[in-house]
N, C-alpha and C. Protein backbone atom coordinates (compact mmCIF):
# COMPACT_ATOMS: atom_id res chain seq x y z
N UNK A 1 -4.26 22.62 9.05
CA UNK A 1 -3.25 22.17 9.96
C UNK A 1 -3.88 22.07 11.34
N UNK A 2 -3.55 21.01 12.06
CA UNK A 2 -4.08 20.82 13.42
C UNK A 2 -3.45 21.87 14.33
N UNK A 3 -4.24 22.90 14.72
CA UNK A 3 -3.68 24.03 15.46
C UNK A 3 -4.54 24.43 16.66
N UNK A 4 -5.33 23.52 17.17
CA UNK A 4 -6.23 23.84 18.27
C UNK A 4 -7.65 24.07 17.78
N UNK A 5 -7.80 24.66 16.61
CA UNK A 5 -9.13 24.84 16.04
C UNK A 5 -9.48 23.69 15.10
N UNK A 6 -8.47 22.91 14.74
CA UNK A 6 -8.69 21.75 13.90
C UNK A 6 -7.92 20.56 14.48
N UNK A 7 -8.30 19.38 14.03
CA UNK A 7 -7.56 18.17 14.42
C UNK A 7 -7.46 17.27 13.20
N UNK A 8 -6.41 16.47 13.20
CA UNK A 8 -6.19 15.55 12.09
C UNK A 8 -6.61 14.15 12.53
N UNK A 9 -7.31 13.48 11.65
CA UNK A 9 -7.69 12.09 11.90
C UNK A 9 -7.19 11.24 10.73
N UNK A 10 -6.98 9.97 11.00
CA UNK A 10 -6.54 9.05 9.95
C UNK A 10 -7.69 8.12 9.62
N UNK A 11 -7.94 7.99 8.34
CA UNK A 11 -9.03 7.15 7.84
C UNK A 11 -8.42 6.00 7.02
N UNK A 12 -8.78 4.77 7.31
CA UNK A 12 -8.37 3.63 6.51
C UNK A 12 -9.31 3.55 5.31
N UNK A 13 -8.73 3.44 4.13
CA UNK A 13 -9.51 3.47 2.89
C UNK A 13 -9.84 2.07 2.40
N UNK A 14 -11.03 1.92 1.82
CA UNK A 14 -11.40 0.63 1.23
C UNK A 14 -10.72 0.49 -0.13
N UNK A 15 -10.74 -0.72 -0.67
CA UNK A 15 -10.03 -1.00 -1.91
C UNK A 15 -10.54 -0.18 -3.09
N UNK A 16 -11.83 0.01 -3.19
CA UNK A 16 -12.39 0.79 -4.30
C UNK A 16 -11.89 2.23 -4.26
N UNK A 17 -11.87 2.83 -3.07
CA UNK A 17 -11.36 4.20 -2.92
C UNK A 17 -9.87 4.24 -3.26
N UNK A 18 -9.14 3.23 -2.80
CA UNK A 18 -7.71 3.16 -3.11
C UNK A 18 -7.48 3.14 -4.62
N UNK A 19 -8.25 2.33 -5.34
CA UNK A 19 -8.09 2.24 -6.79
C UNK A 19 -8.43 3.57 -7.47
N UNK A 20 -9.48 4.25 -6.99
CA UNK A 20 -9.83 5.56 -7.54
C UNK A 20 -8.70 6.56 -7.33
N UNK A 21 -8.15 6.60 -6.11
CA UNK A 21 -7.06 7.52 -5.82
C UNK A 21 -5.81 7.16 -6.62
N UNK A 22 -5.52 5.88 -6.71
CA UNK A 22 -4.38 5.41 -7.48
C UNK A 22 -4.46 5.92 -8.92
N UNK A 23 -5.63 5.79 -9.52
CA UNK A 23 -5.82 6.20 -10.91
C UNK A 23 -5.83 7.72 -11.09
N UNK A 24 -5.95 8.47 -10.00
CA UNK A 24 -6.03 9.93 -10.10
C UNK A 24 -4.68 10.62 -10.24
N UNK A 25 -3.61 9.91 -10.04
CA UNK A 25 -2.27 10.50 -10.11
C UNK A 25 -1.48 9.89 -11.27
N UNK A 26 -0.63 10.67 -11.92
CA UNK A 26 0.10 10.14 -13.07
C UNK A 26 1.45 9.48 -12.74
N UNK A 27 1.96 9.70 -11.53
CA UNK A 27 3.29 9.20 -11.18
C UNK A 27 3.24 8.48 -9.84
N UNK A 28 3.90 7.34 -9.78
CA UNK A 28 4.02 6.60 -8.53
C UNK A 28 5.44 6.13 -8.36
N UNK A 29 5.70 5.45 -7.26
CA UNK A 29 7.04 4.94 -6.97
C UNK A 29 6.98 3.42 -6.88
N UNK A 30 7.83 2.77 -7.66
CA UNK A 30 7.91 1.32 -7.68
C UNK A 30 9.10 0.89 -6.82
N UNK A 31 8.83 0.01 -5.85
CA UNK A 31 9.89 -0.52 -4.99
C UNK A 31 10.09 -2.00 -5.31
N UNK A 32 11.35 -2.39 -5.49
CA UNK A 32 11.69 -3.77 -5.82
C UNK A 32 13.11 -4.05 -5.34
N UNK A 33 13.51 -5.29 -5.44
CA UNK A 33 14.86 -5.67 -5.06
C UNK A 33 15.70 -5.82 -6.32
N UNK A 34 16.88 -5.21 -6.32
CA UNK A 34 17.79 -5.29 -7.45
C UNK A 34 19.17 -5.67 -6.93
N UNK A 35 19.66 -6.82 -7.33
CA UNK A 35 20.95 -7.34 -6.91
C UNK A 35 21.09 -7.34 -5.38
N UNK A 36 20.00 -7.75 -4.73
CA UNK A 36 20.02 -7.87 -3.27
C UNK A 36 19.76 -6.58 -2.52
N UNK A 37 19.64 -5.46 -3.20
CA UNK A 37 19.41 -4.17 -2.54
C UNK A 37 18.02 -3.64 -2.89
N UNK A 38 17.43 -2.87 -1.98
CA UNK A 38 16.14 -2.24 -2.32
C UNK A 38 16.37 -1.13 -3.34
N UNK A 39 15.41 -1.00 -4.25
CA UNK A 39 15.44 0.06 -5.26
C UNK A 39 14.05 0.67 -5.34
N UNK A 40 13.99 1.98 -5.54
CA UNK A 40 12.72 2.68 -5.71
C UNK A 40 12.88 3.62 -6.89
N UNK A 41 11.97 3.48 -7.85
CA UNK A 41 12.00 4.31 -9.05
C UNK A 41 10.66 4.98 -9.27
N UNK A 42 10.67 6.27 -9.64
CA UNK A 42 9.41 6.89 -10.04
C UNK A 42 9.05 6.44 -11.45
N UNK A 43 7.76 6.16 -11.66
CA UNK A 43 7.29 5.79 -13.00
C UNK A 43 5.95 6.46 -13.26
N UNK A 44 5.73 6.83 -14.51
CA UNK A 44 4.37 7.23 -14.88
C UNK A 44 3.65 5.96 -15.28
N UNK A 45 2.36 5.89 -14.99
CA UNK A 45 1.64 4.62 -15.06
C UNK A 45 0.17 4.85 -15.38
N UNK A 46 -0.51 3.74 -15.63
CA UNK A 46 -1.97 3.72 -15.77
C UNK A 46 -2.50 2.55 -14.96
N UNK A 47 -3.76 2.64 -14.59
CA UNK A 47 -4.46 1.52 -13.96
C UNK A 47 -5.35 0.90 -15.01
N UNK A 48 -5.16 -0.41 -15.25
CA UNK A 48 -5.91 -1.14 -16.28
C UNK A 48 -6.47 -2.40 -15.64
N UNK A 49 -7.78 -2.48 -15.58
CA UNK A 49 -8.44 -3.67 -15.02
C UNK A 49 -7.93 -3.99 -13.61
N UNK A 50 -7.67 -2.96 -12.82
CA UNK A 50 -7.21 -3.15 -11.45
C UNK A 50 -5.73 -3.41 -11.31
N UNK A 51 -5.00 -3.49 -12.41
CA UNK A 51 -3.55 -3.67 -12.39
C UNK A 51 -2.87 -2.33 -12.68
N UNK A 52 -1.63 -2.19 -12.25
CA UNK A 52 -0.80 -1.03 -12.56
C UNK A 52 0.07 -1.41 -13.75
N UNK A 53 0.10 -0.57 -14.77
CA UNK A 53 0.91 -0.84 -15.96
C UNK A 53 1.78 0.37 -16.26
N UNK A 54 3.01 0.10 -16.67
CA UNK A 54 3.94 1.17 -17.03
C UNK A 54 4.93 0.65 -18.05
N UNK A 55 5.64 1.57 -18.67
CA UNK A 55 6.65 1.23 -19.67
C UNK A 55 8.04 1.29 -19.04
N UNK A 56 8.95 0.52 -19.63
CA UNK A 56 10.34 0.59 -19.22
C UNK A 56 11.22 0.38 -20.44
N UNK A 57 12.48 0.69 -20.28
CA UNK A 57 13.42 0.55 -21.38
C UNK A 57 14.23 -0.73 -21.26
N UNK A 58 14.66 -1.24 -22.37
CA UNK A 58 15.58 -2.39 -22.36
C UNK A 58 16.85 -1.98 -21.63
N UNK A 59 17.36 -2.90 -20.82
CA UNK A 59 18.62 -2.64 -20.13
C UNK A 59 18.49 -1.84 -18.85
N UNK A 60 17.27 -1.38 -18.54
CA UNK A 60 17.11 -0.61 -17.31
C UNK A 60 17.24 -1.53 -16.11
N UNK A 61 17.44 -0.94 -14.96
CA UNK A 61 17.51 -1.73 -13.73
C UNK A 61 16.23 -2.53 -13.53
N UNK A 62 15.11 -1.95 -13.88
CA UNK A 62 13.86 -2.66 -13.69
C UNK A 62 13.81 -3.91 -14.57
N UNK A 63 14.23 -3.76 -15.81
CA UNK A 63 14.22 -4.94 -16.68
C UNK A 63 15.21 -5.99 -16.17
N UNK A 64 16.36 -5.56 -15.67
CA UNK A 64 17.31 -6.50 -15.08
C UNK A 64 16.67 -7.21 -13.89
N UNK A 65 15.89 -6.47 -13.13
CA UNK A 65 15.21 -7.07 -11.98
C UNK A 65 14.16 -8.08 -12.44
N UNK A 66 13.66 -7.92 -13.65
CA UNK A 66 12.66 -8.85 -14.18
C UNK A 66 13.21 -10.28 -14.23
N UNK A 67 14.51 -10.41 -14.40
CA UNK A 67 15.09 -11.74 -14.52
C UNK A 67 15.34 -12.39 -13.17
N UNK A 68 15.20 -11.65 -12.08
CA UNK A 68 15.43 -12.23 -10.76
C UNK A 68 14.26 -13.13 -10.39
N UNK A 69 14.50 -14.13 -9.54
CA UNK A 69 13.42 -15.06 -9.19
C UNK A 69 12.33 -14.39 -8.34
N UNK A 70 12.67 -13.34 -7.61
CA UNK A 70 11.69 -12.65 -6.75
C UNK A 70 10.95 -11.61 -7.57
N UNK A 71 9.66 -11.82 -7.76
CA UNK A 71 8.87 -10.91 -8.59
C UNK A 71 7.93 -10.03 -7.75
N UNK A 72 8.08 -10.07 -6.44
CA UNK A 72 7.23 -9.28 -5.57
C UNK A 72 7.72 -7.83 -5.56
N UNK A 73 6.78 -6.91 -5.72
CA UNK A 73 7.11 -5.49 -5.73
C UNK A 73 6.06 -4.74 -4.90
N UNK A 74 6.38 -3.49 -4.60
CA UNK A 74 5.42 -2.59 -3.98
C UNK A 74 5.35 -1.34 -4.84
N UNK A 75 4.19 -0.71 -4.84
CA UNK A 75 3.97 0.50 -5.63
C UNK A 75 3.21 1.47 -4.74
N UNK A 76 3.66 2.74 -4.70
CA UNK A 76 3.05 3.72 -3.81
C UNK A 76 2.74 5.00 -4.57
N UNK A 77 1.57 5.53 -4.28
CA UNK A 77 1.13 6.81 -4.83
C UNK A 77 0.55 7.61 -3.67
N UNK A 78 0.81 8.92 -3.69
CA UNK A 78 0.25 9.74 -2.61
C UNK A 78 0.01 11.17 -3.08
N UNK A 79 -0.65 11.90 -2.22
CA UNK A 79 -0.85 13.34 -2.42
C UNK A 79 -0.86 13.98 -1.04
N UNK A 80 -0.28 15.17 -0.97
CA UNK A 80 -0.16 15.87 0.31
C UNK A 80 -0.45 17.34 0.10
N UNK A 81 -1.27 17.93 0.95
CA UNK A 81 -1.56 19.35 0.90
C UNK A 81 -0.74 20.05 1.98
N UNK A 82 0.23 20.83 1.58
CA UNK A 82 1.11 21.51 2.53
C UNK A 82 0.37 22.54 3.39
N UNK A 83 -0.67 23.13 2.83
CA UNK A 83 -1.37 24.18 3.55
C UNK A 83 -2.16 23.65 4.75
N UNK A 84 -2.90 22.58 4.56
CA UNK A 84 -3.72 22.10 5.68
C UNK A 84 -3.27 20.76 6.25
N UNK A 85 -2.16 20.23 5.71
CA UNK A 85 -1.55 18.98 6.22
C UNK A 85 -2.45 17.77 6.02
N UNK A 86 -3.35 17.83 5.06
CA UNK A 86 -4.15 16.65 4.73
C UNK A 86 -3.45 15.89 3.62
N UNK A 87 -3.87 14.67 3.39
CA UNK A 87 -3.27 13.91 2.31
C UNK A 87 -3.70 12.46 2.35
N UNK A 88 -3.16 11.70 1.45
CA UNK A 88 -3.48 10.27 1.39
C UNK A 88 -2.30 9.52 0.79
N UNK A 89 -2.30 8.22 1.03
CA UNK A 89 -1.28 7.33 0.48
C UNK A 89 -1.93 5.99 0.17
N UNK A 90 -1.60 5.44 -0.99
CA UNK A 90 -2.07 4.11 -1.39
C UNK A 90 -0.84 3.26 -1.70
N UNK A 91 -0.81 2.04 -1.16
CA UNK A 91 0.28 1.11 -1.40
C UNK A 91 -0.30 -0.16 -2.02
N UNK A 92 0.30 -0.58 -3.11
CA UNK A 92 -0.08 -1.81 -3.78
C UNK A 92 1.09 -2.79 -3.63
N UNK A 93 0.80 -3.96 -3.12
CA UNK A 93 1.81 -5.03 -3.06
C UNK A 93 1.34 -6.12 -4.01
N UNK A 94 2.26 -6.62 -4.81
CA UNK A 94 1.87 -7.65 -5.76
C UNK A 94 3.05 -8.19 -6.52
N UNK A 95 2.74 -8.78 -7.65
CA UNK A 95 3.78 -9.37 -8.50
C UNK A 95 3.82 -8.63 -9.82
N UNK A 96 5.01 -8.57 -10.39
CA UNK A 96 5.18 -7.89 -11.67
C UNK A 96 5.49 -8.91 -12.74
N UNK A 97 5.08 -8.57 -13.94
CA UNK A 97 5.39 -9.43 -15.08
C UNK A 97 5.46 -8.58 -16.33
N UNK A 98 6.28 -8.99 -17.26
CA UNK A 98 6.33 -8.32 -18.55
C UNK A 98 5.07 -8.65 -19.33
N UNK A 99 4.60 -7.72 -20.12
CA UNK A 99 3.44 -7.97 -20.96
C UNK A 99 3.96 -8.52 -22.29
N UNK A 100 3.81 -9.82 -22.47
CA UNK A 100 4.36 -10.50 -23.64
C UNK A 100 3.34 -10.68 -24.75
N UNK A 101 2.06 -10.74 -24.39
CA UNK A 101 1.00 -10.96 -25.36
C UNK A 101 0.85 -9.72 -26.24
N UNK A 102 0.93 -9.92 -27.55
CA UNK A 102 0.87 -8.81 -28.50
C UNK A 102 -0.46 -8.05 -28.43
N UNK A 103 -1.55 -8.76 -28.23
CA UNK A 103 -2.87 -8.11 -28.13
C UNK A 103 -2.92 -7.20 -26.90
N UNK A 104 -2.40 -7.70 -25.77
CA UNK A 104 -2.37 -6.88 -24.56
C UNK A 104 -1.46 -5.65 -24.73
N UNK A 105 -0.30 -5.85 -25.36
CA UNK A 105 0.60 -4.71 -25.60
C UNK A 105 -0.06 -3.67 -26.49
N UNK A 106 -0.72 -4.14 -27.56
CA UNK A 106 -1.41 -3.21 -28.46
C UNK A 106 -2.49 -2.45 -27.71
N UNK A 107 -3.22 -3.15 -26.85
CA UNK A 107 -4.27 -2.50 -26.06
C UNK A 107 -3.66 -1.42 -25.17
N UNK A 108 -2.56 -1.75 -24.50
CA UNK A 108 -1.90 -0.75 -23.64
C UNK A 108 -1.38 0.42 -24.46
N UNK A 109 -0.78 0.14 -25.60
CA UNK A 109 -0.25 1.20 -26.47
C UNK A 109 -1.35 2.12 -26.98
N UNK A 110 -2.48 1.53 -27.40
CA UNK A 110 -3.51 2.30 -28.09
C UNK A 110 -4.63 2.83 -27.21
N UNK A 111 -4.92 2.16 -26.12
CA UNK A 111 -6.09 2.53 -25.33
C UNK A 111 -5.78 3.32 -24.06
N UNK A 112 -4.53 3.35 -23.63
CA UNK A 112 -4.25 3.98 -22.35
C UNK A 112 -3.79 5.42 -22.46
N UNK A 113 -3.28 5.81 -23.60
CA UNK A 113 -2.73 7.16 -23.79
C UNK A 113 -1.58 7.46 -22.84
N UNK A 114 -0.89 6.43 -22.35
CA UNK A 114 0.26 6.65 -21.48
C UNK A 114 1.47 6.97 -22.34
N UNK A 115 1.98 8.16 -22.18
CA UNK A 115 3.17 8.57 -22.91
C UNK A 115 4.35 8.56 -21.94
N UNK A 116 5.43 7.88 -22.31
CA UNK A 116 6.60 7.89 -21.43
C UNK A 116 7.23 9.27 -21.37
N UNK A 117 8.01 9.49 -20.33
CA UNK A 117 8.69 10.78 -20.18
C UNK A 117 9.77 10.97 -21.23
N UNK A 118 10.28 9.87 -21.74
CA UNK A 118 11.31 9.94 -22.77
C UNK A 118 10.80 9.25 -24.02
N UNK A 119 11.64 9.11 -25.00
CA UNK A 119 11.29 8.53 -26.29
C UNK A 119 10.50 7.23 -26.16
N UNK A 120 9.33 7.17 -26.80
CA UNK A 120 8.45 6.00 -26.74
C UNK A 120 9.17 4.74 -27.18
N UNK A 121 9.96 4.82 -28.25
CA UNK A 121 10.66 3.63 -28.74
C UNK A 121 11.61 3.08 -27.69
N UNK A 122 12.20 3.96 -26.90
CA UNK A 122 13.14 3.52 -25.86
C UNK A 122 12.40 2.87 -24.69
N UNK A 123 11.12 3.13 -24.55
CA UNK A 123 10.33 2.60 -23.44
C UNK A 123 9.23 1.68 -23.97
N UNK A 124 9.61 0.76 -24.83
CA UNK A 124 8.64 -0.09 -25.52
C UNK A 124 8.17 -1.28 -24.70
N UNK A 125 8.86 -1.62 -23.61
CA UNK A 125 8.52 -2.79 -22.82
C UNK A 125 7.48 -2.42 -21.76
N UNK A 126 6.34 -3.10 -21.80
CA UNK A 126 5.29 -2.88 -20.81
C UNK A 126 5.48 -3.85 -19.64
N UNK A 127 5.26 -3.35 -18.44
CA UNK A 127 5.29 -4.17 -17.23
C UNK A 127 3.95 -3.99 -16.54
N UNK A 128 3.43 -5.07 -16.01
CA UNK A 128 2.13 -5.04 -15.33
C UNK A 128 2.32 -5.54 -13.90
N UNK A 129 1.79 -4.81 -12.95
CA UNK A 129 1.82 -5.19 -11.54
C UNK A 129 0.43 -5.67 -11.17
N UNK A 130 0.32 -6.93 -10.81
CA UNK A 130 -0.96 -7.51 -10.41
C UNK A 130 -1.05 -7.47 -8.88
N UNK A 131 -2.01 -6.73 -8.34
CA UNK A 131 -2.09 -6.56 -6.88
C UNK A 131 -2.41 -7.86 -6.14
N UNK A 132 -1.75 -8.03 -5.04
CA UNK A 132 -2.07 -9.07 -4.05
C UNK A 132 -2.76 -8.39 -2.87
N UNK A 133 -2.39 -7.14 -2.63
CA UNK A 133 -2.96 -6.37 -1.53
C UNK A 133 -2.92 -4.89 -1.89
N UNK A 134 -4.02 -4.19 -1.61
CA UNK A 134 -4.09 -2.74 -1.83
C UNK A 134 -4.57 -2.12 -0.52
N UNK A 135 -3.78 -1.20 0.01
CA UNK A 135 -4.14 -0.54 1.26
C UNK A 135 -3.98 0.96 1.10
N UNK A 136 -4.69 1.70 1.90
CA UNK A 136 -4.56 3.14 1.84
C UNK A 136 -5.03 3.81 3.11
N UNK A 137 -4.50 4.99 3.31
CA UNK A 137 -4.87 5.83 4.45
C UNK A 137 -5.01 7.27 3.97
N UNK A 138 -5.93 7.96 4.62
CA UNK A 138 -6.12 9.37 4.34
C UNK A 138 -6.03 10.14 5.64
N UNK A 139 -5.30 11.24 5.64
CA UNK A 139 -5.27 12.15 6.78
C UNK A 139 -6.25 13.28 6.46
N UNK A 140 -7.24 13.41 7.33
CA UNK A 140 -8.29 14.41 7.13
C UNK A 140 -8.21 15.41 8.28
N UNK A 141 -8.25 16.68 7.94
CA UNK A 141 -8.25 17.73 8.95
C UNK A 141 -9.69 18.22 9.11
N UNK A 142 -10.18 18.16 10.37
CA UNK A 142 -11.56 18.55 10.65
C UNK A 142 -11.57 19.57 11.78
N UNK A 143 -12.67 20.31 11.92
CA UNK A 143 -12.76 21.23 13.06
C UNK A 143 -12.67 20.50 14.39
N UNK A 144 -11.98 21.10 15.33
CA UNK A 144 -11.88 20.51 16.67
C UNK A 144 -13.22 20.65 17.38
N UNK A 145 -13.49 19.73 18.29
CA UNK A 145 -14.76 19.77 19.02
C UNK A 145 -14.83 20.94 19.96
């Protein structure tokens, strides 16, 4: 914690570091528009070939949002250390699409080991977020001069 003996600095992260940090956490928050209102949902996810992939259920708000003409979404992952007030945040802005190709779905099912929080059969629909922009910042606590 910045207390006179330490100071906090903010570091802008490059895309490679952002992707590494993104892949290091199992849960992120997906932001999208649903019926004209902003919505944010926590999802467990994997990073595959630089894209974010997660499962959803039929009839969920997210699937309903899939039918809207606006496919732009944001995805955020972070970590924070309460003891020293350090942390980081990565934001992905991009477009989402359902994974319709059977080969891609099988690859996601078999190669990612992503298990949904609830019944797998209920979360059979894969969604992929293709990044348009990936940004990140890290708060680093260092000794004061």
